Amino acid sequence: MSWTFVVAWTAATLLITLTATAWRQARALRRVLAAERTRARLMDAAHHRDLCALQAQLDEVHAFDAAVLAAADRVLDQALATYGTTRDPKEGGSP
């Protein structure tokens, strides 16, 4: 065998090995990127779900607060109706 053939054979083998290694690394990188995109989509969906649940809880608390305030207004109106609405000028406020 001539040295030219050995060098060409070695270069071809090296080129095939490097190409296969680069292809495997690129494939692994694509898989990692796809997994990361999937994780990001899942995190966004979970974040959206959690925010919707929090908003529902806040709406429920707001409705409860409004009901409590409305009941307090009714009690106060009944007390004022029962005991009169005479205004003490020293206390200020509107008539």
Protein backbone atom coordinates (compact mmCIF):
# COMPACT_ATOMS: atom_id res chain seq x y z
CA MET A 1 0.00 0.00 0.00
CA SER A 2 1.14 3.49 -0.77
CA TRP A 3 1.27 6.27 1.72
CA THR A 4 -1.23 8.26 -0.31
CA PHE A 5 -3.81 5.52 0.08
CA VAL A 6 -3.16 5.31 3.84
CA VAL A 7 -3.47 9.08 4.27
CA ALA A 8 -6.66 9.18 2.17
CA TRP A 9 -8.11 6.24 4.10
CA THR A 10 -7.23 7.85 7.44
CA ALA A 11 -8.66 11.22 6.35
CA ALA A 12 -11.89 9.59 5.16
CA THR A 13 -12.24 7.62 8.39
CA LEU A 14 -11.57 10.75 10.43
CA LEU A 15 -14.07 12.75 8.37
CA ILE A 16 -16.76 10.08 8.80
CA THR A 17 -16.07 9.88 12.54
CA LEU A 18 -16.22 13.66 12.97
CA THR A 19 -19.40 13.90 10.90
CA ALA A 20 -21.08 11.15 12.91
CA THR A 21 -20.02 12.76 16.19
CA ALA A 22 -21.29 16.18 15.10
CA TRP A 23 -24.59 14.64 13.94
CA ARG A 24 -25.03 12.83 17.30
CA GLN A 25 -24.27 16.02 19.23
CA ALA A 26 -26.67 18.06 17.10
CA ARG A 27 -29.36 15.42 17.58
CA ALA A 28 -28.81 15.42 21.36
CA LEU A 29 -28.95 19.22 21.39
CA ARG A 30 -32.23 19.19 19.43
CA ARG A 31 -33.68 16.75 21.97
CA VAL A 32 -32.55 18.93 24.88
CA LEU A 33 -34.02 22.03 23.24
CA ALA A 34 -37.31 20.26 22.56
CA ALA A 35 -37.47 19.12 26.18
CA GLU A 36 -36.74 22.67 27.36
CA ARG A 37 -39.49 24.09 25.13
CA THR A 38 -41.90 21.50 26.51
CA ARG A 39 -40.94 22.42 30.07
CA ALA A 40 -41.43 26.10 29.29
CA ARG A 41 -44.89 25.47 27.81
CA LEU A 42 -45.87 23.39 30.85
CA MET A 43 -44.61 26.10 33.21
CA ASP A 44 -46.56 28.77 31.31
CA ALA A 45 -49.70 26.66 31.45
CA ALA A 46 -49.26 26.01 35.18
CA HIS A 47 -48.60 29.71 35.78
CA HIS A 48 -51.74 30.66 33.86
CA ARG A 49 -53.77 28.04 35.76
CA ASP A 50 -52.45 29.29 39.11
CA LEU A 51 -53.20 32.91 38.23
CA CYS A 52 -56.75 32.01 37.21
CA ALA A 53 -57.26 30.14 40.49
CA LEU A 54 -55.86 33.07 42.46
CA GLN A 55 -58.10 35.52 40.61
CA ALA A 56 -61.13 33.33 41.35
CA GLN A 57 -60.20 33.28 45.05
CA LEU A 58 -59.72 37.04 45.07
CA ASP A 59 -63.09 37.54 43.37
CA GLU A 60 -64.68 35.31 45.99
CA VAL A 61 -63.07 37.28 48.83
CA HIS A 62 -64.13 40.56 47.22
CA ALA A 63 -67.72 39.33 46.93
CA PHE A 64 -67.65 38.23 50.58
CA ASP A 65 -66.26 41.62 51.66
CA ALA A 66 -68.97 43.39 49.67
CA ALA A 67 -71.65 41.24 51.34
CA VAL A 68 -70.22 41.98 54.80
CA LEU A 69 -70.11 45.70 54.08
CA ALA A 70 -73.68 45.64 52.74
CA ALA A 71 -74.84 43.84 55.90
CA ALA A 72 -72.99 46.36 58.06
CA ASP A 73 -74.67 49.20 56.14
CA ARG A 74 -78.09 47.63 56.77
CA VAL A 75 -77.38 47.23 60.49
CA LEU A 76 -76.15 50.80 60.71
CA ASP A 77 -79.18 52.10 58.80
CA GLN A 78 -81.51 50.18 61.12
CA ALA A 79 -79.74 51.53 64.20
CA LEU A 80 -79.91 55.06 62.89
CA ALA A 81 -83.59 54.64 62.02
CA THR A 82 -84.33 53.22 65.45
CA TYR A 83 -82.47 55.80 67.50
CA GLY A 84 -83.00 58.80 65.28
CA THR A 85 -80.70 60.81 63.13
CA THR A 86 -80.21 63.85 65.34
CA ARG A 87 -76.85 65.27 64.66
CA ASP A 88 -74.52 66.56 67.34
CA PRO A 89 -72.90 69.73 65.98
CA LYS A 90 -69.73 68.96 67.96
CA GLU A 91 -69.19 65.69 66.00
CA GLY A 92 -69.27 67.26 62.56
CA GLY A 93 -70.20 65.26 59.50
CA SER A 94 -73.08 65.76 57.08
CA PRO A 95 -76.75 65.79 58.13
